[in-house]
Amino acid sequence: MTDGGKFPITRKNALVAAAAGLGLFIVIATRRERILNYLKRLRDPLGHRRIEVIQTVDDCHRIVSELKKHCHSFKVLGFDCEWVTVGGTRRPAALLQLSSEKGLCALFRLCCMKQIPKSLRELLEDDEVLKVGVDPHGDAKKLCHDYGVGVASTFDLRFLAAMTGRQPAGLANLSKSILNVELDKHWRLVCSDWEATELTPKQLNYAANDALVAVEIFKRLTKELLPKHFWQLYKIDFESIRSKLDPFLEASFKEGYFNPNIKFKANKAKRLSLNGQKKLETDSKKVQVRKYTTSTRSKALYDNCLLEAPDGELLCTIDKRKALWYVERNLGTEVNSDPFTVRLNFEPAGRAEGAVGKYYQTPKENQCVVCGHKEAYIRKNVVPREYRKHFPVVMKTHTSHDVLLLCHPCHQISNISDLKIRHKLSTMCDAPFTQDDASIKYKEVPELKKVRSAARALLNHGDKIHEARRKELEAIVLDYYPDEPEISVQLLQNASEINTKENNENYCHHGEKVVQTFQEKLGGLIELEKIWRLHFLNTMKPRFLPLHWDVNHNANRLEIRANEGRVEESDLKLAGLLPDASKKLDYSCNYQQNSKET
């Protein structure tokens, strides 16, 4: 029998259709409530909201107990704080908001309780429960400062937005783009009196929504990180998600997403009149901001051309431009076109040996080493340049082993996860990398800046300045030049060009200090390389690494060069391969054994 001649209706097909229909009915029947809740939340993500205002210790214990129950299966709480600023000074946090995925929005009025009760303190310090929001790290620091409580496992939603390919924006923009929920962020509401005797309905809605929206955004975005099936409409594998987010817990997004070693400057702008038209002239020094989004390349990185020794032994694979460089300078001869092969006309300093040699001889795939994506990729420096540039020359050259290809999402995730290792190295080596006093090489001297500003004002607008103000500016300039009897054009010209910066005696370049510490105290630069390589393996779990890629690659390479007499003992000591400067080149077996154990 057929259905219109298109589909044969057989007993077998009928049974399959019946089984499929029965299976669908069972899924709908058993998961009816879950499916209905899922559909409701698609229409209104905040429809299940329940607000509880807590002002007493007893109420705190009751609500915290309920929040803990909600966290049994889904260990995530929306987290936010509100405070009052008086006369430019921030007062202690007045309100703490915690929201569970069940819709309970608990608003703890800390200004009324004057302290954080034990039950709430334990919940905040529970590192199994994620506290999510936008800049929760900053809010956690405020609570620690104000009430002496540590907030464990904070997670900034902007990390998750970046990991899923979205713009890491503020909470209001994330809420609109992901949930289609508009948050009221009017400044009068944001800066309202959170210590008032009674909070207004608008304040309650604002505070509750900020915490609940954070949970809903987290749920939507985490579903995109893991494959899901129809019958898992509302179920999230929290343990799998947690393992992906671990590198970003308790990290500041601002520090992780921007290069903190660069001092940010706003472009200077001057309006000039030229031929009756006003044009904007910007300073030639542009704002130097390095985001983790780097330019993506679609062109292959590896040409896998072959380079041979004069006797035909394969030395390594190289890109075609380098191969042609040898030919054009008569240093090598083309001996094959497919694959493009160049044979050197001179004896190379060294030959390919062991696993090190095999790595350089093996052709490389143009694909993401993590997920295998082949269409577009970015070069990833496993050992970041800010450290590598301070290495001795022998360890700065031939670093292709630590340059791997990643697709754009994997590259962004990897770079953000590097923040945790930077923090670790910062603590280990007393080498701050945040934008504080020690990371600024040149400090602005306020007194000099004041003199220069006064001179420029007098030089450019002296005839338009009120007499009393002009005398005041002239006094500033003359105080700096006590030997000058009076103001002159030349004096103003000199004062307008004075250098207002001086060397910062406390300056410490993070990368340079880390490298120096490892060279002198922590086992040498080989150990620093290991830290970064192992971090890359543990956080990214690459499945497509090139053959013979090895954590101990550079150590093995230096051993070969040392045995051939092509490396200085001083460099070996810096690398950590020659602890005793008086010791000769006799370290190979012991080091290889130690490397394997490590």
Protein backbone atom coordinates (compact mmCIF):
# COMPACT_ATOMS: atom_id res chain seq x y z
CA MET A 1 0.00 0.00 0.00
CA THR A 2 1.20 3.55 -0.73
CA ASP A 3 0.17 7.04 0.24
CA GLY A 4 -0.38 8.84 -3.09
CA GLY A 5 2.55 6.89 -4.55
CA LYS A 6 5.02 8.85 -2.47
CA PHE A 7 5.59 6.87 0.71
CA PRO A 8 5.06 3.13 1.04
CA ILE A 9 2.89 2.33 4.06
CA THR A 10 4.11 -0.99 5.33
CA ARG A 11 3.55 -2.73 8.62
CA LYS A 12 7.12 -1.89 9.64
CA ASN A 13 6.74 1.83 8.84
CA ALA A 14 3.44 1.94 10.66
CA LEU A 15 5.01 0.42 13.77
CA VAL A 16 7.90 2.88 13.63
CA ALA A 17 5.51 5.83 13.32
CA ALA A 18 3.40 4.53 16.17
CA ALA A 19 6.48 4.05 18.38
CA ALA A 20 7.70 7.56 17.58
CA GLY A 21 4.31 9.03 18.40
CA LEU A 22 4.11 7.07 21.65
CA GLY A 23 7.61 8.17 22.58
CA LEU A 24 6.75 11.82 21.92
CA PHE A 25 3.57 11.46 24.00
CA ILE A 26 5.54 9.97 26.90
CA VAL A 27 8.14 12.75 26.76
CA ILE A 28 5.42 15.42 26.77
CA ALA A 29 3.45 13.69 29.53
CA THR A 30 6.40 13.11 31.85
CA ARG A 31 8.00 16.50 31.26
CA ARG A 32 4.83 18.52 30.83
CA GLU A 33 5.48 20.89 33.73
CA ARG A 34 9.09 21.46 32.70
CA ILE A 35 8.13 22.16 29.08
CA LEU A 36 5.37 24.57 30.15
CA ASN A 37 7.77 26.41 32.45
CA TYR A 38 10.28 26.63 29.63
CA LEU A 39 7.69 28.14 27.27
CA LYS A 40 6.53 30.58 29.95
CA ARG A 41 10.08 31.79 30.54
CA LEU A 42 10.58 32.29 26.83
CA ARG A 43 7.66 34.73 26.93
CA ASP A 44 8.57 36.35 30.27
CA PRO A 45 11.96 35.39 31.79
CA LEU A 46 11.06 37.28 35.00
CA GLY A 47 7.50 35.98 35.33
CA HIS A 48 8.39 33.59 38.16
CA ARG A 49 9.94 36.33 40.31
CA ARG A 50 9.24 36.46 44.07
CA ILE A 51 10.73 39.30 46.12
CA GLU A 52 11.64 38.87 49.78
CA VAL A 53 12.99 41.84 51.78
CA ILE A 54 15.11 40.77 54.76
CA GLN A 55 15.81 43.15 57.66
CA THR A 56 16.19 40.80 60.66
CA VAL A 57 18.51 37.92 61.52
CA ASP A 58 15.60 35.46 61.84
CA ASP A 59 14.27 36.32 58.39
CA CYS A 60 17.81 36.02 57.06
CA HIS A 61 18.18 32.44 58.35
CA ARG A 62 14.81 31.44 56.86
CA ILE A 63 15.47 32.87 53.41
CA VAL A 64 19.07 31.64 53.27
CA SER A 65 17.82 28.14 54.05
CA GLU A 66 15.45 28.37 51.07
CA LEU A 67 18.19 29.70 48.78
CA LYS A 68 20.42 26.77 49.77
CA LYS A 69 17.66 24.31 48.83
CA HIS A 70 17.35 25.97 45.42
CA CYS A 71 21.11 25.54 44.97
CA HIS A 72 21.12 21.77 45.48
CA SER A 73 20.86 20.99 41.77
CA PHE A 74 21.68 24.36 40.17
CA LYS A 75 24.43 26.00 42.19
CA VAL A 76 24.13 29.53 40.85
CA LEU A 77 22.91 32.75 42.47
CA GLY A 78 22.45 36.16 40.88
CA PHE A 79 24.58 38.57 42.90
CA ASP A 80 24.60 42.37 43.22
CA CYS A 81 25.03 45.15 45.78
CA GLU A 82 23.73 48.71 46.21
CA TRP A 83 25.20 51.52 48.30
CA VAL A 84 24.95 55.25 48.92
CA THR A 85 27.61 57.84 48.10
CA VAL A 86 27.66 60.99 50.23
CA GLY A 87 29.91 63.90 49.32
CA GLY A 88 31.94 61.73 46.96
CA THR A 89 32.56 59.10 49.65
CA ARG A 90 31.04 55.62 49.38
CA ARG A 91 29.20 54.38 52.46
CA PRO A 92 29.11 50.64 53.39
CA ALA A 93 26.97 48.45 51.12
CA ALA A 94 23.34 48.98 52.12
CA LEU A 95 21.67 46.21 50.12
CA LEU A 96 22.77 42.74 49.01
CA GLN A 97 20.73 40.98 46.32
CA LEU A 98 20.80 37.22 45.78
CA SER A 99 18.50 35.44 43.35
CA SER A 100 18.02 31.73 42.67
CA GLU A 101 16.99 30.10 39.40
CA LYS A 102 13.62 29.34 41.01
CA GLY A 103 12.84 33.07 40.98
CA LEU A 104 13.43 33.87 44.66
CA CYS A 105 14.94 37.39 44.86
CA ALA A 106 16.27 37.94 48.35
CA LEU A 107 17.06 41.57 49.20
CA PHE A 108 19.17 41.71 52.38
CA ARG A 109 19.09 45.18 53.95
CA LEU A 110 22.56 45.16 55.46
CA CYS A 111 22.15 48.76 56.61
CA CYS A 112 19.37 47.58 58.95
CA MET A 113 21.11 44.42 60.21
CA LYS A 114 24.48 46.23 60.64
CA GLN A 115 26.27 42.93 60.09
CA ILE A 116 26.16 39.79 57.94
CA PRO A 117 24.55 36.90 59.87
CA LYS A 118 26.36 33.57 60.07
CA SER A 119 24.01 31.72 57.68
CA LEU A 120 24.40 34.39 54.99
CA ARG A 121 28.14 34.54 55.52
CA GLU A 122 28.40 30.77 55.00
CA LEU A 123 26.41 30.99 51.77
CA LEU A 124 28.61 33.78 50.41
CA GLU A 125 31.77 31.86 51.36
CA ASP A 126 30.54 28.60 49.79
CA ASP A 127 32.82 28.09 46.79
CA GLU A 128 30.47 25.47 45.31
CA VAL A 129 27.83 28.13 44.59
CA LEU A 130 28.59 30.56 41.75
CA LYS A 131 27.69 34.21 42.33
CA VAL A 132 27.05 35.68 38.88
CA GLY A 133 26.56 39.24 37.68
CA VAL A 134 28.39 42.07 35.97
CA ASP A 135 31.54 42.99 37.94
CA PRO A 136 30.68 40.72 40.90
CA HIS A 137 34.40 40.76 41.71
CA GLY A 138 34.13 44.49 42.48
CA ASP A 139 31.01 44.00 44.63
CA ALA A 140 32.72 41.17 46.50
CA LYS A 141 35.66 43.44 47.33
CA LYS A 142 33.26 46.05 48.72
CA LEU A 143 31.56 43.47 50.96
CA CYS A 144 34.93 42.25 52.15
CA HIS A 145 36.02 45.81 52.96
CA ASP A 146 32.73 46.82 54.60
CA TYR A 147 31.80 43.64 56.50
CA GLY A 148 34.87 41.40 56.48
CA VAL A 149 33.18 38.62 54.53
CA GLY A 150 34.73 36.75 51.61
CA VAL A 151 32.56 36.05 48.57
CA ALA A 152 33.75 32.87 46.87
CA SER A 153 33.33 31.81 43.22
CA THR A 154 32.22 35.09 41.69
CA PHE A 155 31.77 34.96 37.91
CA ASP A 156 31.41 37.91 35.53
CA LEU A 157 28.77 37.30 32.84
CA ARG A 158 30.86 39.27 30.34
CA PHE A 159 33.31 36.36 30.23
CA LEU A 160 30.43 34.10 29.21
CA ALA A 161 29.24 36.59 26.60
CA ALA A 162 32.72 36.67 25.07
CA MET A 163 32.92 32.86 25.14
CA THR A 164 29.68 32.60 23.14
CA GLY A 165 30.73 35.20 20.57
CA ARG A 166 28.66 38.10 21.91
CA GLN A 167 29.66 41.65 22.74
CA PRO A 168 30.62 41.70 26.45
CA ALA A 169 28.37 44.63 27.40
CA GLY A 170 26.78 45.84 30.64
CA LEU A 171 23.90 44.09 32.38
CA ALA A 172 21.19 46.23 30.75
CA ASN A 173 22.51 45.59 27.23
CA LEU A 174 22.98 41.88 27.88
CA SER A 175 19.45 41.66 29.27
CA LYS A 176 17.99 43.37 26.22
CA SER A 177 19.96 41.39 23.62
CA ILE A 178 19.66 37.96 25.26
CA LEU A 179 16.38 38.01 27.19
CA ASN A 180 14.61 40.89 25.44
CA VAL A 181 14.05 42.38 28.89
CA GLU A 182 14.63 46.10 29.41
CA LEU A 183 16.04 47.14 32.76
CA ASP A 184 15.35 50.58 34.19
CA LYS A 185 18.81 52.11 34.64
CA HIS A 186 17.81 55.76 35.15
CA TRP A 187 20.48 57.49 37.17
CA ARG A 188 17.96 58.81 39.73
CA LEU A 189 17.00 55.21 40.52
CA VAL A 190 20.54 53.85 40.47
CA CYS A 191 21.71 56.64 42.81
CA SER A 192 18.63 56.64 45.03
CA ASP A 193 18.70 56.34 48.83
CA TRP A 194 19.28 52.64 49.50
CA GLU A 195 19.46 53.35 53.24
CA ALA A 196 15.93 54.76 53.39
CA THR A 197 13.60 53.50 56.10
CA GLU A 198 11.35 51.97 53.43
CA LEU A 199 12.42 51.13 49.88
CA THR A 200 10.02 52.20 47.14
CA PRO A 201 8.42 49.68 44.73
CA LYS A 202 10.69 51.01 41.97
CA GLN A 203 13.77 50.38 44.11
CA LEU A 204 12.59 46.85 44.94
CA ASN A 205 11.90 46.05 41.29
CA TYR A 206 15.25 47.45 40.20
CA ALA A 207 17.23 45.54 42.84
CA ALA A 208 15.40 42.24 42.32
CA ASN A 209 15.57 42.38 38.53
CA ASP A 210 19.32 43.00 38.52
CA ALA A 211 19.92 39.77 40.44
CA LEU A 212 17.33 37.61 38.66
CA VAL A 213 18.31 38.77 35.18
CA ALA A 214 21.89 37.70 35.94
CA VAL A 215 20.75 34.12 36.61
CA GLU A 216 18.57 34.01 33.49
CA ILE A 217 21.39 35.34 31.29
CA PHE A 218 23.71 32.73 32.76
CA LYS A 219 21.25 29.94 31.95
CA ARG A 220 20.67 31.09 28.37
CA LEU A 221 24.35 31.46 27.57
CA THR A 222 25.54 28.24 29.22
CA LYS A 223 23.11 26.25 27.07
CA GLU A 224 25.03 27.47 24.05
CA LEU A 225 28.30 26.07 25.39
CA LEU A 226 27.12 22.44 25.49
CA PRO A 227 25.12 20.37 22.97
CA LYS A 228 21.48 19.92 23.93
CA HIS A 229 18.62 17.72 22.78
CA PHE A 230 14.89 18.25 22.64
CA TRP A 231 14.30 16.28 25.82
CA GLN A 232 16.83 18.48 27.62
CA LEU A 233 14.93 21.71 26.96
CA TYR A 234 15.42 23.04 30.44
CA LYS A 235 18.11 20.82 31.88
CA ILE A 236 21.68 22.06 32.22
CA ASP A 237 24.66 19.84 32.98
CA PHE A 238 25.99 22.06 35.71
CA GLU A 239 29.16 20.06 36.39
CA SER A 240 30.24 20.27 32.74
CA ILE A 241 29.53 24.00 32.70
CA ARG A 242 31.44 24.50 35.95
CA SER A 243 34.57 22.88 34.51
CA LYS A 244 34.52 25.33 31.58
CA LEU A 245 34.10 28.35 33.85
CA ASP A 246 36.66 27.48 36.54
CA PRO A 247 39.51 29.51 34.93
CA PHE A 248 37.40 32.69 35.15
CA LEU A 249 36.11 32.46 38.73
CA GLU A 250 36.95 35.35 41.05
CA ALA A 251 38.61 37.20 38.17
CA SER A 252 38.13 40.84 37.23
CA PHE A 253 36.76 41.11 33.69
CA LYS A 254 38.41 44.49 33.14
CA GLU A 255 41.82 43.04 33.91
CA GLY A 256 41.18 39.92 31.90
CA TYR A 257 39.80 41.50 28.74
CA PHE A 258 42.31 44.30 28.33
CA ASN A 259 46.08 44.36 28.41
CA PRO A 260 46.71 45.82 31.90
CA ASN A 261 50.34 46.65 31.15
CA ILE A 262 49.32 49.56 28.91
CA LYS A 263 48.51 52.92 30.44
CA PHE A 264 45.30 54.15 28.86
CA LYS A 265 45.31 57.67 27.50
CA ALA A 266 42.52 59.66 25.98
CA ASN A 267 43.38 61.23 22.65
CA LYS A 268 44.11 64.92 22.86
CA ALA A 269 41.95 66.95 20.55
CA LYS A 270 42.37 70.54 19.44
CA ARG A 271 39.98 72.50 17.30
CA LEU A 272 41.86 74.50 14.71
CA SER A 273 40.53 77.02 12.26
CA LEU A 274 41.82 76.37 8.74
CA ASN A 275 40.48 78.31 5.74
CA GLY A 276 37.41 79.23 7.74
CA GLN A 277 36.60 75.59 8.51
CA LYS A 278 37.02 73.85 11.85
CA LYS A 279 38.82 70.57 11.78
CA LEU A 280 39.59 68.11 14.54
CA GLU A 281 43.24 67.31 15.00
CA THR A 282 43.95 64.27 17.16
CA ASP A 283 47.22 63.44 18.77
CA SER A 284 49.33 61.03 16.77
CA LYS A 285 49.54 58.75 19.79
CA LYS A 286 46.34 56.75 19.69
CA VAL A 287 44.71 54.94 22.57
CA GLN A 288 46.65 51.72 22.95
CA VAL A 289 44.12 49.08 23.85
CA ARG A 290 44.73 45.44 23.09
CA LYS A 291 41.57 43.44 23.24
CA TYR A 292 41.71 39.70 23.12
CA THR A 293 39.94 39.80 19.80
CA THR A 294 42.85 39.70 17.38
CA SER A 295 42.69 39.94 13.60
CA THR A 296 41.64 36.62 12.14
CA ARG A 297 43.57 35.14 9.23
CA SER A 298 41.99 33.01 6.53
CA LYS A 299 45.27 32.47 4.66
CA ALA A 300 47.17 29.30 5.57
CA LEU A 301 49.98 29.79 8.08
CA TYR A 302 51.79 26.56 7.26
CA ASP A 303 52.99 26.10 3.65
CA ASN A 304 54.87 22.94 4.65
CA CYS A 305 57.69 23.52 2.18
CA LEU A 306 60.76 21.35 2.79
CA LEU A 307 64.28 22.49 3.64
CA GLU A 308 67.10 19.98 3.11
CA ALA A 309 70.77 19.77 4.03
CA PRO A 310 73.30 19.58 1.15
CA ASP A 311 73.24 15.76 1.32
CA GLY A 312 69.43 15.68 1.01
CA GLU A 313 68.62 15.05 4.70
CA LEU A 314 65.36 16.75 5.72
CA LEU A 315 65.96 19.58 8.20
CA CYS A 316 62.51 21.09 8.69
CA THR A 317 59.33 22.38 7.07
CA ILE A 318 59.15 26.12 6.37
CA ASP A 319 56.82 28.62 4.70
CA LYS A 320 57.27 29.33 1.00
CA ARG A 321 58.43 32.91 1.51
CA LYS A 322 61.34 31.71 3.63
CA ALA A 323 62.13 28.98 1.11
CA LEU A 324 62.25 31.52 -1.72
CA TRP A 325 64.48 33.73 0.42
CA TYR A 326 67.16 31.02 0.38
CA VAL A 327 66.83 30.60 -3.38
CA GLU A 328 66.90 34.33 -4.18
CA ARG A 329 70.12 34.81 -2.20
CA ASN A 330 71.75 31.76 -3.77
CA LEU A 331 71.88 30.08 -0.36
CA GLY A 332 69.78 27.18 -1.58
CA THR A 333 68.55 25.47 -4.75
CA GLU A 334 65.02 24.41 -5.65
CA VAL A 335 65.03 20.63 -6.13
CA ASN A 336 61.30 19.91 -6.24
CA SER A 337 58.13 21.86 -6.93
CA ASP A 338 55.56 19.65 -5.19
CA PRO A 339 56.11 19.84 -2.34
CA PHE A 340 58.27 22.91 -2.83
CA THR A 341 61.72 21.78 -1.68
CA VAL A 342 64.92 23.76 -1.23
CA ARG A 343 68.34 22.19 -0.66
CA LEU A 344 70.89 24.36 1.12
CA ASN A 345 74.18 25.21 -0.56
CA PHE A 346 76.01 25.26 2.79
CA GLU A 347 76.30 23.02 5.81
CA PRO A 348 73.76 24.07 8.48
CA ALA A 349 74.85 24.70 12.05
CA GLY A 350 72.85 21.72 13.28
CA ARG A 351 70.79 18.77 12.07
CA ALA A 352 67.40 17.48 13.15
CA GLU A 353 67.80 15.15 16.15
CA GLY A 354 65.39 13.20 18.33
CA ALA A 355 61.81 14.25 19.02
CA VAL A 356 62.83 17.91 18.65
CA GLY A 357 63.97 17.30 15.09
CA LYS A 358 60.87 15.26 14.28
CA TYR A 359 58.65 18.13 15.41
CA TYR A 360 60.27 20.54 12.94
CA GLN A 361 60.24 17.92 10.15
CA THR A 362 56.54 17.06 10.49
CA PRO A 363 54.02 18.96 8.29
CA LYS A 364 51.52 21.05 10.28
CA GLU A 365 47.76 21.26 9.71
CA ASN A 366 46.11 24.65 9.17
CA GLN A 367 43.39 24.18 11.76
CA CYS A 368 42.43 25.12 15.29
CA VAL A 369 44.39 22.83 17.60
CA VAL A 370 41.49 22.81 20.09
CA CYS A 371 38.35 22.15 18.03
CA GLY A 372 39.74 21.45 14.54
CA HIS A 373 38.07 24.41 12.82
CA LYS A 374 39.80 25.01 9.46
CA GLU A 375 38.28 28.11 7.89
CA ALA A 376 39.78 30.99 9.91
CA TYR A 377 42.25 31.08 12.76
CA ILE A 378 44.51 33.24 14.90
CA ARG A 379 48.05 32.60 16.08
CA LYS A 380 48.24 31.87 19.80
CA ASN A 381 51.47 32.46 21.73
CA VAL A 382 51.31 29.77 24.41
CA VAL A 383 54.08 31.57 26.29
CA PRO A 384 52.96 35.23 25.99
CA ARG A 385 55.31 37.74 24.38
CA GLU A 386 55.40 39.96 27.46
CA TYR A 387 57.49 37.21 29.10
CA ARG A 388 59.27 35.77 26.06
CA LYS A 389 60.72 39.14 25.01
CA HIS A 390 62.81 39.19 28.22
CA PHE A 391 64.29 35.72 27.58
CA PRO A 392 67.92 35.33 26.41
CA VAL A 393 68.28 35.33 22.62
CA VAL A 394 68.77 31.58 22.40
CA MET A 395 65.30 31.10 23.94
CA LYS A 396 63.61 33.93 22.03
CA THR A 397 64.46 32.55 18.60
CA HIS A 398 63.00 29.41 17.03
CA THR A 399 59.78 29.70 19.07
CA SER A 400 57.41 28.27 16.45
CA HIS A 401 56.73 25.38 18.83
CA ASP A 402 54.79 27.78 21.07
CA VAL A 403 52.84 29.42 18.24
CA LEU A 404 49.65 27.44 17.64
CA LEU A 405 46.54 28.11 15.57
CA LEU A 406 43.18 28.71 17.27
CA CYS A 407 39.83 29.69 15.84
CA HIS A 408 38.43 33.01 17.03
CA PRO A 409 36.22 31.68 19.90
CA CYS A 410 38.93 29.34 21.21
CA HIS A 411 41.52 32.11 20.97
CA GLN A 412 39.35 34.47 22.99
CA ILE A 413 38.59 31.87 25.66
CA SER A 414 42.25 30.92 25.93
CA ASN A 415 43.44 34.49 26.33
CA ILE A 416 40.83 35.28 28.96
CA SER A 417 41.74 32.13 30.91
CA ASP A 418 45.38 33.30 30.95
CA LEU A 419 44.37 35.88 33.54
CA LYS A 420 44.45 33.30 36.32
CA ILE A 421 48.08 32.38 35.58
CA ARG A 422 49.03 36.06 35.44
CA HIS A 423 47.53 36.51 38.89
CA LYS A 424 49.44 33.47 40.13
CA LEU A 425 52.73 34.73 38.67
CA SER A 426 52.04 38.19 40.03
CA THR A 427 51.81 36.77 43.56
CA MET A 428 54.71 34.32 43.19
CA CYS A 429 57.11 36.94 41.85
CA ASP A 430 55.82 40.10 43.57
CA ALA A 431 55.25 41.50 40.06
CA PRO A 432 51.98 43.51 39.87
CA PHE A 433 50.39 43.69 36.45
CA THR A 434 47.32 45.77 37.24
CA GLN A 435 47.14 49.50 36.55
CA ASP A 436 48.55 50.67 39.87
CA ASP A 437 51.45 52.87 40.86
CA ALA A 438 54.10 50.17 40.45
CA SER A 439 53.10 49.41 36.85
CA ILE A 440 53.57 52.99 35.60
CA LYS A 441 57.06 53.70 34.30
CA TYR A 442 56.76 57.50 34.25
CA LYS A 443 54.74 59.46 36.81
CA GLU A 444 53.10 62.79 36.15
CA VAL A 445 54.38 65.53 38.49
CA PRO A 446 51.38 67.72 39.41
CA GLU A 447 53.51 70.80 40.15
CA LEU A 448 55.20 70.69 36.74
CA LYS A 449 51.91 70.07 35.00
CA LYS A 450 50.47 73.12 36.72
CA VAL A 451 53.38 75.30 35.53
CA ARG A 452 53.07 74.06 31.95
CA SER A 453 49.31 74.62 31.89
CA ALA A 454 49.71 78.16 33.23
CA ALA A 455 52.37 78.98 30.63
CA ARG A 456 50.27 77.61 27.77
CA ALA A 457 47.21 79.56 28.91
CA LEU A 458 49.21 82.80 29.04
CA LEU A 459 50.92 82.09 25.74
CA ASN A 460 47.81 81.22 23.78
CA HIS A 461 45.04 83.21 25.49
CA GLY A 462 46.82 85.82 27.61
CA ASP A 463 44.90 88.76 26.14
CA LYS A 464 41.54 87.15 26.91
CA ILE A 465 42.22 86.17 30.53
CA HIS A 466 40.90 88.37 33.37
CA GLU A 467 43.64 90.46 34.95
CA ALA A 468 43.41 88.84 38.41
CA ARG A 469 43.58 85.36 36.90
CA ARG A 470 46.45 86.38 34.62
CA LYS A 471 48.51 87.60 37.57
CA GLU A 472 47.79 84.35 39.36
CA LEU A 473 49.07 82.34 36.37
CA GLU A 474 52.14 84.54 36.03
CA ALA A 475 52.96 83.97 39.70
CA ILE A 476 52.84 80.17 39.14
CA VAL A 477 55.35 80.44 36.30
CA LEU A 478 57.68 82.87 38.11
CA ASP A 479 57.69 80.68 41.23
CA TYR A 480 59.14 77.88 39.11
CA TYR A 481 61.74 80.23 37.57
CA PRO A 482 62.90 82.27 40.62
CA ASP A 483 65.87 83.76 38.73
CA GLU A 484 63.65 85.34 36.09
CA PRO A 485 62.66 88.94 36.96
CA GLU A 486 59.53 89.09 34.79
CA ILE A 487 57.33 87.21 32.34
CA SER A 488 58.54 87.12 28.75
CA VAL A 489 57.39 85.33 25.61
CA GLN A 490 60.56 83.20 25.62
CA LEU A 491 60.00 82.26 29.25
CA LEU A 492 56.43 81.20 28.53
CA GLN A 493 57.62 79.26 25.49
CA ASN A 494 60.15 77.36 27.61
CA ALA A 495 57.65 76.70 30.39
CA SER A 496 55.03 75.43 27.93
CA GLU A 497 57.43 72.73 26.73
CA ILE A 498 58.75 71.40 30.04
CA ASN A 499 58.58 67.66 30.64
CA THR A 500 56.01 67.00 33.35
CA LYS A 501 56.94 63.34 33.92
CA GLU A 502 59.66 61.71 35.96
CA ASN A 503 60.90 58.15 36.36
CA ASN A 504 58.86 56.10 38.80
CA GLU A 505 61.25 54.58 41.34
CA ASN A 506 58.65 51.94 42.20
CA TYR A 507 58.14 50.93 38.56
CA CYS A 508 58.00 47.18 37.98
CA HIS A 509 57.30 45.68 34.56
CA HIS A 510 55.31 42.51 35.27
CA GLY A 511 56.82 40.36 32.52
CA GLU A 512 60.39 41.48 33.19
CA LYS A 513 60.07 40.92 36.95
CA VAL A 514 58.56 37.44 36.48
CA VAL A 515 61.33 36.40 34.09
CA GLN A 516 64.00 37.75 36.44
CA THR A 517 62.52 35.90 39.42
CA PHE A 518 62.36 32.58 37.59
CA GLN A 519 65.93 33.03 36.37
CA GLU A 520 67.25 33.67 39.87
CA LYS A 521 64.99 31.79 42.28
CA LEU A 522 62.37 29.51 40.73
CA GLY A 523 64.28 26.96 38.71
CA GLY A 524 64.95 28.86 35.50
CA LEU A 525 62.94 29.90 32.46
CA ILE A 526 62.22 26.30 31.47
CA GLU A 527 59.92 26.13 34.50
CA LEU A 528 58.11 29.31 33.45
CA GLU A 529 57.55 27.82 29.98
CA LYS A 530 56.17 24.66 31.57
CA ILE A 531 53.65 26.62 33.63
CA TRP A 532 52.20 28.26 30.52
CA ARG A 533 52.19 25.10 28.41
CA LEU A 534 50.54 23.00 31.10
CA HIS A 535 48.00 25.77 31.68
CA PHE A 536 47.12 25.72 27.97
CA LEU A 537 46.72 21.94 28.00
CA ASN A 538 44.60 21.91 31.16
CA THR A 539 42.27 24.77 30.26
CA MET A 540 41.82 24.26 26.50
CA LYS A 541 42.27 20.46 26.23
CA PRO A 542 43.48 20.64 22.61
CA ARG A 543 42.65 17.58 20.48
CA PHE A 544 44.64 18.50 17.36
CA LEU A 545 48.12 19.42 18.58
CA PRO A 546 50.92 18.92 16.04
CA LEU A 547 52.76 15.61 16.33
CA HIS A 548 55.68 15.64 18.78
CA TRP A 549 54.43 18.83 20.51
CA ASP A 550 56.02 18.55 23.97
CA VAL A 551 55.91 20.47 27.23
CA ASN A 552 59.68 19.95 27.54
CA HIS A 553 60.46 20.90 23.95
CA ASN A 554 62.76 23.84 24.65
CA ALA A 555 64.73 21.97 27.30
CA ASN A 556 65.38 19.13 24.87
CA ARG A 557 66.29 21.61 22.11
CA LEU A 558 68.80 23.42 24.33
CA GLU A 559 70.37 20.15 25.39
CA ILE A 560 71.01 19.26 21.76
CA ARG A 561 72.47 22.70 21.05
CA ALA A 562 74.63 22.50 24.18
CA ASN A 563 76.03 19.12 23.19
CA GLU A 564 76.94 20.65 19.82
CA GLY A 565 78.61 23.61 21.54
CA ARG A 566 76.09 26.13 20.21
CA VAL A 567 74.83 27.66 23.46
CA GLU A 568 76.55 29.61 26.23
CA GLU A 569 76.68 28.22 29.76
CA SER A 570 75.28 31.52 31.07
CA ASP A 571 72.15 30.98 28.94
CA LEU A 572 71.85 27.41 30.19
CA LYS A 573 71.93 28.67 33.74
CA LEU A 574 69.18 31.21 33.05
CA ALA A 575 67.13 28.46 31.45
CA GLY A 576 67.55 26.30 34.56
CA LEU A 577 69.61 23.59 32.89
CA LEU A 578 72.89 24.43 34.61
CA PRO A 579 72.27 25.33 38.28
CA ASP A 580 75.99 25.54 39.05
CA ALA A 581 77.87 27.97 36.80
CA SER A 582 81.10 26.04 37.33
CA LYS A 583 79.50 22.79 36.21
CA LYS A 584 80.26 21.66 32.66
CA LEU A 585 77.77 20.33 30.15
CA ASP A 586 76.81 17.15 31.97
CA TYR A 587 73.10 17.28 32.77
CA SER A 588 71.19 15.49 30.03
CA CYS A 589 70.00 12.29 31.70
CA ASN A 590 69.05 13.82 35.05
CA TYR A 591 67.08 16.65 33.49
CA GLN A 592 65.13 14.40 31.12
CA GLN A 593 64.18 12.17 34.05
CA ASN A 594 63.06 15.17 36.13
CA SER A 595 61.07 16.55 33.19
CA LYS A 596 59.20 13.28 32.76
CA GLU A 597 58.35 13.17 36.45
CA THR A 598 57.17 16.78 36.40
